[in-house]
Amino acid sequence: MAYHGAHVDDRTKNSDATLPMINRLKELRAERNWSQADLASQLDVSRQTINAVENGRYDPSLPLAFQIARIFALPIEVIFNDEQ
């Protein structure tokens, strides 16, 4: 069988693939009594970026997601979930 391009995951064919990831960022931040500005400063991003991630308007890049996971000392999948 010949290979004719990249494998497409079934989720990418589905309109749900554009839904934002669910995340626990706000909850984890609140447990530590950190403001959005506190977390933004630790991640070297804007407070607006943290707000957008928390409210599902922006999915972080993979490097930023790893950085967030390191700050909270948790696996990425504990913080971010792609299942609606």
PDB file of N, CA and C in Angstrom:
ATOM      1  N   MET A   1       0.849  -1.173   0.000  1.00  0.00           N
ATOM      2  CA  MET A   1       0.000   0.000   0.000  1.00  0.00           C
ATOM      3  C   MET A   1       0.893   1.235   0.000  1.00  0.00           C
ATOM      4  N   ALA A   2       0.650   2.140  -0.879  1.00  0.00           N
ATOM      5  CA  ALA A   2       1.456   3.361  -0.997  1.00  0.00           C
ATOM      6  C   ALA A   2       0.997   4.395   0.024  1.00  0.00           C
ATOM      7  N   TYR A   3       1.934   5.182   0.462  1.00  0.00           N
ATOM      8  CA  TYR A   3       1.652   6.259   1.410  1.00  0.00           C
ATOM      9  C   TYR A   3       1.411   7.540   0.613  1.00  0.00           C
ATOM     10  N   HIS A   4       0.246   8.147   0.804  1.00  0.00           N
ATOM     11  CA  HIS A   4      -0.125   9.326   0.019  1.00  0.00           C
ATOM     12  C   HIS A   4      -0.390  10.549   0.882  1.00  0.00           C
ATOM     13  N   GLY A   5       0.357  10.766   1.935  1.00  0.00           N
ATOM     14  CA  GLY A   5       0.175  11.966   2.746  1.00  0.00           C
ATOM     15  C   GLY A   5       0.042  11.647   4.214  1.00  0.00           C
ATOM     16  N   ALA A   6      -0.164  12.679   4.972  1.00  0.00           N
ATOM     17  CA  ALA A   6      -0.239  12.558   6.429  1.00  0.00           C
ATOM     18  C   ALA A   6      -1.512  11.831   6.851  1.00  0.00           C
ATOM     19  N   HIS A   7      -1.394  11.054   7.894  1.00  0.00           N
ATOM     20  CA  HIS A   7      -2.548  10.398   8.494  1.00  0.00           C
ATOM     21  C   HIS A   7      -3.410  11.465   9.152  1.00  0.00           C
ATOM     22  N   VAL A   8      -4.700  11.408   8.923  1.00  0.00           N
ATOM     23  CA  VAL A   8      -5.620  12.380   9.522  1.00  0.00           C
ATOM     24  C   VAL A   8      -6.402  11.671  10.608  1.00  0.00           C
ATOM     25  N   ASP A   9      -6.255  12.143  11.822  1.00  0.00           N
ATOM     26  CA  ASP A   9      -6.990  11.617  12.958  1.00  0.00           C
ATOM     27  C   ASP A   9      -8.475  11.890  12.744  1.00  0.00           C
ATOM     28  N   ASP A  10      -9.332  10.964  13.148  1.00  0.00           N
ATOM     29  CA  ASP A  10     -10.778  11.147  12.969  1.00  0.00           C
ATOM     30  C   ASP A  10     -11.285  12.421  13.632  1.00  0.00           C
ATOM     31  N   ARG A  11     -10.637  12.857  14.722  1.00  0.00           N
ATOM     32  CA  ARG A  11     -11.093  14.069  15.406  1.00  0.00           C
ATOM     33  C   ARG A  11     -10.927  15.304  14.531  1.00  0.00           C
ATOM     34  N   THR A  12      -9.967  15.299  13.613  1.00  0.00           N
ATOM     35  CA  THR A  12      -9.757  16.477  12.780  1.00  0.00           C
ATOM     36  C   THR A  12     -10.819  16.597  11.698  1.00  0.00           C
ATOM     37  N   LYS A  13     -11.525  15.520  11.406  1.00  0.00           N
ATOM     38  CA  LYS A  13     -12.607  15.559  10.428  1.00  0.00           C
ATOM     39  C   LYS A  13     -13.894  16.080  11.049  1.00  0.00           C
ATOM     40  N   ASN A  14     -13.956  16.097  12.337  1.00  0.00           N
ATOM     41  CA  ASN A  14     -15.143  16.403  13.104  1.00  0.00           C
ATOM     42  C   ASN A  14     -15.123  17.873  13.498  1.00  0.00           C
ATOM     43  N   SER A  15     -16.247  18.537  13.449  1.00  0.00           N
ATOM     44  CA  SER A  15     -16.308  19.962  13.798  1.00  0.00           C
ATOM     45  C   SER A  15     -15.938  20.209  15.262  1.00  0.00           C
ATOM     46  N   ASP A  16     -16.041  19.187  16.120  1.00  0.00           N
ATOM     47  CA  ASP A  16     -15.674  19.351  17.529  1.00  0.00           C
ATOM     48  C   ASP A  16     -14.188  19.584  17.711  1.00  0.00           C
ATOM     49  N   ALA A  17     -13.378  19.307  16.691  1.00  0.00           N
ATOM     50  CA  ALA A  17     -11.931  19.480  16.805  1.00  0.00           C
ATOM     51  C   ALA A  17     -11.555  20.935  17.039  1.00  0.00           C
ATOM     52  N   THR A  18     -12.449  21.859  16.735  1.00  0.00           N
ATOM     53  CA  THR A  18     -12.149  23.274  16.927  1.00  0.00           C
ATOM     54  C   THR A  18     -12.548  23.773  18.308  1.00  0.00           C
ATOM     55  N   LEU A  19     -13.152  22.932  19.116  1.00  0.00           N
ATOM     56  CA  LEU A  19     -13.535  23.349  20.458  1.00  0.00           C
ATOM     57  C   LEU A  19     -12.293  23.543  21.321  1.00  0.00           C
ATOM     58  N   PRO A  20     -12.326  24.529  22.212  1.00  0.00           N
ATOM     59  CA  PRO A  20     -11.157  24.753  23.067  1.00  0.00           C
ATOM     60  C   PRO A  20     -10.978  23.609  24.064  1.00  0.00           C
ATOM     61  N   MET A  21      -9.767  23.514  24.558  1.00  0.00           N
ATOM     62  CA  MET A  21      -9.477  22.516  25.576  1.00  0.00           C
ATOM     63  C   MET A  21     -10.100  22.972  26.893  1.00  0.00           C
ATOM     64  N   ILE A  22     -10.512  22.013  27.674  1.00  0.00           N
ATOM     65  CA  ILE A  22     -10.959  22.296  29.036  1.00  0.00           C
ATOM     66  C   ILE A  22      -9.692  22.359  29.877  1.00  0.00           C
ATOM     67  N   ASN A  23      -9.622  23.308  30.805  1.00  0.00           N
ATOM     68  CA  ASN A  23      -8.434  23.362  31.658  1.00  0.00           C
ATOM     69  C   ASN A  23      -8.809  23.706  33.087  1.00  0.00           C
ATOM     70  N   ARG A  24      -7.890  23.389  33.991  1.00  0.00           N
ATOM     71  CA  ARG A  24      -8.082  23.635  35.421  1.00  0.00           C
ATOM     72  C   ARG A  24      -7.205  24.791  35.896  1.00  0.00           C
ATOM     73  N   LEU A  25      -6.761  25.632  34.973  1.00  0.00           N
ATOM     74  CA  LEU A  25      -5.806  26.676  35.309  1.00  0.00           C
ATOM     75  C   LEU A  25      -6.336  27.614  36.400  1.00  0.00           C
ATOM     76  N   LYS A  26      -7.551  28.080  36.255  1.00  0.00           N
ATOM     77  CA  LYS A  26      -8.131  29.007  37.237  1.00  0.00           C
ATOM     78  C   LYS A  26      -8.208  28.355  38.624  1.00  0.00           C
ATOM     79  N   GLU A  27      -8.662  27.116  38.647  1.00  0.00           N
ATOM     80  CA  GLU A  27      -8.773  26.372  39.906  1.00  0.00           C
ATOM     81  C   GLU A  27      -7.399  26.192  40.571  1.00  0.00           C
ATOM     82  N   LEU A  28      -6.406  25.772  39.792  1.00  0.00           N
ATOM     83  CA  LEU A  28      -5.063  25.551  40.329  1.00  0.00           C
ATOM     84  C   LEU A  28      -4.427  26.855  40.804  1.00  0.00           C
ATOM     85  N   ARG A  29      -4.664  27.913  40.056  1.00  0.00           N
ATOM     86  CA  ARG A  29      -4.133  29.223  40.424  1.00  0.00           C
ATOM     87  C   ARG A  29      -4.772  29.694  41.731  1.00  0.00           C
ATOM     88  N   ALA A  30      -6.082  29.521  41.849  1.00  0.00           N
ATOM     89  CA  ALA A  30      -6.809  29.944  43.058  1.00  0.00           C
ATOM     90  C   ALA A  30      -6.355  29.164  44.296  1.00  0.00           C
ATOM     91  N   GLU A  31      -6.068  27.878  44.125  1.00  0.00           N
ATOM     92  CA  GLU A  31      -5.579  27.053  45.245  1.00  0.00           C
ATOM     93  C   GLU A  31      -4.287  27.610  45.828  1.00  0.00           C
ATOM     94  N   ARG A  32      -3.519  28.305  45.008  1.00  0.00           N
ATOM     95  CA  ARG A  32      -2.228  28.863  45.435  1.00  0.00           C
ATOM     96  C   ARG A  32      -2.318  30.355  45.763  1.00  0.00           C
ATOM     97  N   ASN A  33      -3.545  30.889  45.683  1.00  0.00           N
ATOM     98  CA  ASN A  33      -3.775  32.321  45.923  1.00  0.00           C
ATOM     99  C   ASN A  33      -2.942  33.204  45.011  1.00  0.00           C
ATOM    100  N   TRP A  34      -2.806  32.771  43.762  1.00  0.00           N
ATOM    101  CA  TRP A  34      -2.084  33.557  42.765  1.00  0.00           C
ATOM    102  C   TRP A  34      -3.085  34.325  41.919  1.00  0.00           C
ATOM    103  N   SER A  35      -2.781  35.560  41.632  1.00  0.00           N
ATOM    104  CA  SER A  35      -3.596  36.321  40.690  1.00  0.00           C
ATOM    105  C   SER A  35      -3.205  35.903  39.277  1.00  0.00           C
ATOM    106  N   GLN A  36      -4.008  36.321  38.312  1.00  0.00           N
ATOM    107  CA  GLN A  36      -3.633  36.073  36.924  1.00  0.00           C
ATOM    108  C   GLN A  36      -2.296  36.751  36.620  1.00  0.00           C
ATOM    109  N   ALA A  37      -2.098  37.937  37.176  1.00  0.00           N
ATOM    110  CA  ALA A  37      -0.840  38.665  36.958  1.00  0.00           C
ATOM    111  C   ALA A  37       0.345  37.909  37.562  1.00  0.00           C
ATOM    112  N   ASP A  38       0.146  37.292  38.736  1.00  0.00           N
ATOM    113  CA  ASP A  38       1.222  36.501  39.363  1.00  0.00           C
ATOM    114  C   ASP A  38       1.655  35.357  38.447  1.00  0.00           C
ATOM    115  N   LEU A  39       0.673  34.609  37.945  1.00  0.00           N
ATOM    116  CA  LEU A  39       0.986  33.478  37.074  1.00  0.00           C
ATOM    117  C   LEU A  39       1.590  33.965  35.763  1.00  0.00           C
ATOM    118  N   ALA A  40       1.040  35.024  35.213  1.00  0.00           N
ATOM    119  CA  ALA A  40       1.567  35.572  33.960  1.00  0.00           C
ATOM    120  C   ALA A  40       3.029  35.954  34.107  1.00  0.00           C
ATOM    121  N   SER A  41       3.365  36.555  35.227  1.00  0.00           N
ATOM    122  CA  SER A  41       4.745  36.961  35.478  1.00  0.00           C
ATOM    123  C   SER A  41       5.680  35.745  35.519  1.00  0.00           C
ATOM    124  N   GLN A  42       5.242  34.680  36.165  1.00  0.00           N
ATOM    125  CA  GLN A  42       6.053  33.458  36.245  1.00  0.00           C
ATOM    126  C   GLN A  42       6.253  32.810  34.876  1.00  0.00           C
ATOM    127  N   LEU A  43       5.265  32.990  33.998  1.00  0.00           N
ATOM    128  CA  LEU A  43       5.315  32.373  32.670  1.00  0.00           C
ATOM    129  C   LEU A  43       5.858  33.319  31.603  1.00  0.00           C
ATOM    130  N   ASP A  44       6.078  34.560  31.974  1.00  0.00           N
ATOM    131  CA  ASP A  44       6.543  35.590  31.045  1.00  0.00           C
ATOM    132  C   ASP A  44       5.558  35.782  29.883  1.00  0.00           C
ATOM    133  N   VAL A  45       4.272  35.836  30.238  1.00  0.00           N
ATOM    134  CA  VAL A  45       3.205  36.139  29.284  1.00  0.00           C
ATOM    135  C   VAL A  45       2.352  37.251  29.891  1.00  0.00           C
ATOM    136  N   SER A  46       1.406  37.759  29.131  1.00  0.00           N
ATOM    137  CA  SER A  46       0.534  38.822  29.651  1.00  0.00           C
ATOM    138  C   SER A  46      -0.579  38.233  30.521  1.00  0.00           C
ATOM    139  N   ARG A  47      -1.126  39.076  31.389  1.00  0.00           N
ATOM    140  CA  ARG A  47      -2.270  38.665  32.198  1.00  0.00           C
ATOM    141  C   ARG A  47      -3.438  38.317  31.281  1.00  0.00           C
ATOM    142  N   GLN A  48      -3.550  39.030  30.158  1.00  0.00           N
ATOM    143  CA  GLN A  48      -4.625  38.762  29.206  1.00  0.00           C
ATOM    144  C   GLN A  48      -4.510  37.357  28.609  1.00  0.00           C
ATOM    145  N   THR A  49      -3.279  36.881  28.439  1.00  0.00           N
ATOM    146  CA  THR A  49      -3.083  35.511  27.941  1.00  0.00           C
ATOM    147  C   THR A  49      -3.619  34.505  28.946  1.00  0.00           C
ATOM    148  N   ILE A  50      -3.310  34.715  30.212  1.00  0.00           N
ATOM    149  CA  ILE A  50      -3.811  33.809  31.264  1.00  0.00           C
ATOM    150  C   ILE A  50      -5.329  33.839  31.287  1.00  0.00           C
ATOM    151  N   ASN A  51      -5.912  35.028  31.205  1.00  0.00           N
ATOM    152  CA  ASN A  51      -7.363  35.170  31.199  1.00  0.00           C
ATOM    153  C   ASN A  51      -7.969  34.420  30.013  1.00  0.00           C
ATOM    154  N   ALA A  52      -7.372  34.578  28.839  1.00  0.00           N
ATOM    155  CA  ALA A  52      -7.890  33.920  27.633  1.00  0.00           C
ATOM    156  C   ALA A  52      -7.803  32.399  27.738  1.00  0.00           C
ATOM    157  N   VAL A  53      -6.705  31.882  28.308  1.00  0.00           N
ATOM    158  CA  VAL A  53      -6.567  30.429  28.486  1.00  0.00           C
ATOM    159  C   VAL A  53      -7.625  29.942  29.471  1.00  0.00           C
ATOM    160  N   GLU A  54      -7.746  30.610  30.606  1.00  0.00           N
ATOM    161  CA  GLU A  54      -8.716  30.198  31.625  1.00  0.00           C
ATOM    162  C   GLU A  54     -10.146  30.186  31.096  1.00  0.00           C
ATOM    163  N   ASN A  55     -10.461  31.111  30.218  1.00  0.00           N
ATOM    164  CA  ASN A  55     -11.832  31.228  29.710  1.00  0.00           C
ATOM    165  C   ASN A  55     -12.063  30.503  28.390  1.00  0.00           C
ATOM    166  N   GLY A  56     -11.073  29.700  27.965  1.00  0.00           N
ATOM    167  CA  GLY A  56     -11.245  28.878  26.779  1.00  0.00           C
ATOM    168  C   GLY A  56     -11.222  29.635  25.461  1.00  0.00           C
ATOM    169  N   ARG A  57     -10.716  30.861  25.492  1.00  0.00           N
ATOM    170  CA  ARG A  57     -10.622  31.631  24.252  1.00  0.00           C
ATOM    171  C   ARG A  57      -9.284  31.415  23.549  1.00  0.00           C
ATOM    172  N   TYR A  58      -8.342  30.768  24.233  1.00  0.00           N
ATOM    173  CA  TYR A  58      -7.012  30.551  23.678  1.00  0.00           C
ATOM    174  C   TYR A  58      -6.452  29.255  24.230  1.00  0.00           C
ATOM    175  N   ASP A  59      -6.015  28.377  23.355  1.00  0.00           N
ATOM    176  CA  ASP A  59      -5.311  27.164  23.772  1.00  0.00           C
ATOM    177  C   ASP A  59      -3.822  27.464  23.720  1.00  0.00           C
ATOM    178  N   PRO A  60      -3.106  27.228  24.815  1.00  0.00           N
ATOM    179  CA  PRO A  60      -1.682  27.559  24.835  1.00  0.00           C
ATOM    180  C   PRO A  60      -0.881  26.694  23.873  1.00  0.00           C
ATOM    181  N   SER A  61       0.248  27.230  23.445  1.00  0.00           N
ATOM    182  CA  SER A  61       1.179  26.438  22.635  1.00  0.00           C
ATOM    183  C   SER A  61       1.686  25.284  23.486  1.00  0.00           C
ATOM    184  N   LEU A  62       2.242  24.288  22.837  1.00  0.00           N
ATOM    185  CA  LEU A  62       2.788  23.151  23.574  1.00  0.00           C
ATOM    186  C   LEU A  62       3.900  23.583  24.535  1.00  0.00           C
ATOM    187  N   PRO A  63       4.846  24.432  24.109  1.00  0.00           N
ATOM    188  CA  PRO A  63       5.870  24.876  25.060  1.00  0.00           C
ATOM    189  C   PRO A  63       5.273  25.605  26.278  1.00  0.00           C
ATOM    190  N   LEU A  64       4.249  26.438  26.054  1.00  0.00           N
ATOM    191  CA  LEU A  64       3.617  27.131  27.179  1.00  0.00           C
ATOM    192  C   LEU A  64       2.886  26.134  28.071  1.00  0.00           C
ATOM    193  N   ALA A  65       2.226  25.151  27.492  1.00  0.00           N
ATOM    194  CA  ALA A  65       1.540  24.127  28.293  1.00  0.00           C
ATOM    195  C   ALA A  65       2.534  23.366  29.169  1.00  0.00           C
ATOM    196  N   PHE A  66       3.710  23.035  28.627  1.00  0.00           N
ATOM    197  CA  PHE A  66       4.747  22.372  29.424  1.00  0.00           C
ATOM    198  C   PHE A  66       5.229  23.283  30.549  1.00  0.00           C
ATOM    199  N   GLN A  67       5.390  24.549  30.251  1.00  0.00           N
ATOM    200  CA  GLN A  67       5.821  25.510  31.269  1.00  0.00           C
ATOM    201  C   GLN A  67       4.795  25.583  32.399  1.00  0.00           C
ATOM    202  N   ILE A  68       3.526  25.642  32.041  1.00  0.00           N
ATOM    203  CA  ILE A  68       2.450  25.675  33.037  1.00  0.00           C
ATOM    204  C   ILE A  68       2.494  24.414  33.882  1.00  0.00           C
ATOM    205  N   ALA A  69       2.649  23.266  33.254  1.00  0.00           N
ATOM    206  CA  ALA A  69       2.702  21.997  33.982  1.00  0.00           C
ATOM    207  C   ALA A  69       3.868  21.986  34.966  1.00  0.00           C
ATOM    208  N   ARG A  70       5.019  22.512  34.536  1.00  0.00           N
ATOM    209  CA  ARG A  70       6.177  22.560  35.449  1.00  0.00           C
ATOM    210  C   ARG A  70       5.913  23.467  36.645  1.00  0.00           C
ATOM    211  N   ILE A  71       5.306  24.609  36.412  1.00  0.00           N
ATOM    212  CA  ILE A  71       5.033  25.546  37.510  1.00  0.00           C
ATOM    213  C   ILE A  71       4.109  24.912  38.543  1.00  0.00           C
ATOM    214  N   PHE A  72       3.111  24.169  38.077  1.00  0.00           N
ATOM    215  CA  PHE A  72       2.178  23.531  39.002  1.00  0.00           C
ATOM    216  C   PHE A  72       2.644  22.139  39.442  1.00  0.00           C
ATOM    217  N   ALA A  73       3.764  21.662  38.899  1.00  0.00           N
ATOM    218  CA  ALA A  73       4.315  20.341  39.226  1.00  0.00           C
ATOM    219  C   ALA A  73       3.272  19.245  39.009  1.00  0.00           C
ATOM    220  N   LEU A  74       2.585  19.341  37.849  1.00  0.00           N
ATOM    221  CA  LEU A  74       1.560  18.366  37.492  1.00  0.00           C
ATOM    222  C   LEU A  74       1.744  17.948  36.035  1.00  0.00           C
ATOM    223  N   PRO A  75       1.292  16.736  35.696  1.00  0.00           N
ATOM    224  CA  PRO A  75       1.311  16.348  34.284  1.00  0.00           C
ATOM    225  C   PRO A  75       0.368  17.250  33.473  1.00  0.00           C
ATOM    226  N   ILE A  76       0.703  17.502  32.239  1.00  0.00           N
ATOM    227  CA  ILE A  76      -0.129  18.352  31.373  1.00  0.00           C
ATOM    228  C   ILE A  76      -1.572  17.855  31.353  1.00  0.00           C
ATOM    229  N   GLU A  77      -1.761  16.529  31.272  1.00  0.00           N
ATOM    230  CA  GLU A  77      -3.127  16.026  31.153  1.00  0.00           C
ATOM    231  C   GLU A  77      -3.967  16.235  32.402  1.00  0.00           C
ATOM    232  N   VAL A  78      -3.353  16.550  33.532  1.00  0.00           N
ATOM    233  CA  VAL A  78      -4.109  16.889  34.733  1.00  0.00           C
ATOM    234  C   VAL A  78      -4.629  18.326  34.636  1.00  0.00           C
ATOM    235  N   ILE A  79      -3.916  19.166  33.919  1.00  0.00           N
ATOM    236  CA  ILE A  79      -4.286  20.580  33.770  1.00  0.00           C
ATOM    237  C   ILE A  79      -5.188  20.797  32.560  1.00  0.00           C
ATOM    238  N   PHE A  80      -4.857  20.143  31.442  1.00  0.00           N
ATOM    239  CA  PHE A  80      -5.570  20.335  30.183  1.00  0.00           C
ATOM    240  C   PHE A  80      -6.237  19.030  29.753  1.00  0.00           C
ATOM    241  N   ASN A  81      -7.469  19.142  29.252  1.00  0.00           N
ATOM    242  CA  ASN A  81      -8.214  17.975  28.803  1.00  0.00           C
ATOM    243  C   ASN A  81      -8.928  18.349  27.511  1.00  0.00           C
ATOM    244  N   ASP A  82      -8.782  17.520  26.488  1.00  0.00           N
ATOM    245  CA  ASP A  82      -9.421  17.826  25.212  1.00  0.00           C
ATOM    246  C   ASP A  82     -10.780  17.150  25.046  1.00  0.00           C
ATOM    247  N   GLU A  83     -11.253  16.468  26.063  1.00  0.00           N
ATOM    248  CA  GLU A  83     -12.552  15.803  25.983  1.00  0.00           C
ATOM    249  C   GLU A  83     -13.618  16.722  26.538  1.00  0.00           C
ATOM    250  N   GLN A  84     -14.647  16.944  25.750  1.00  0.00           N
ATOM    251  CA  GLN A  84     -15.737  17.848  26.152  1.00  0.00           C
ATOM    252  C   GLN A  84     -16.762  17.128  26.971  1.00  0.00           C
TER     253      GLN A  84
END
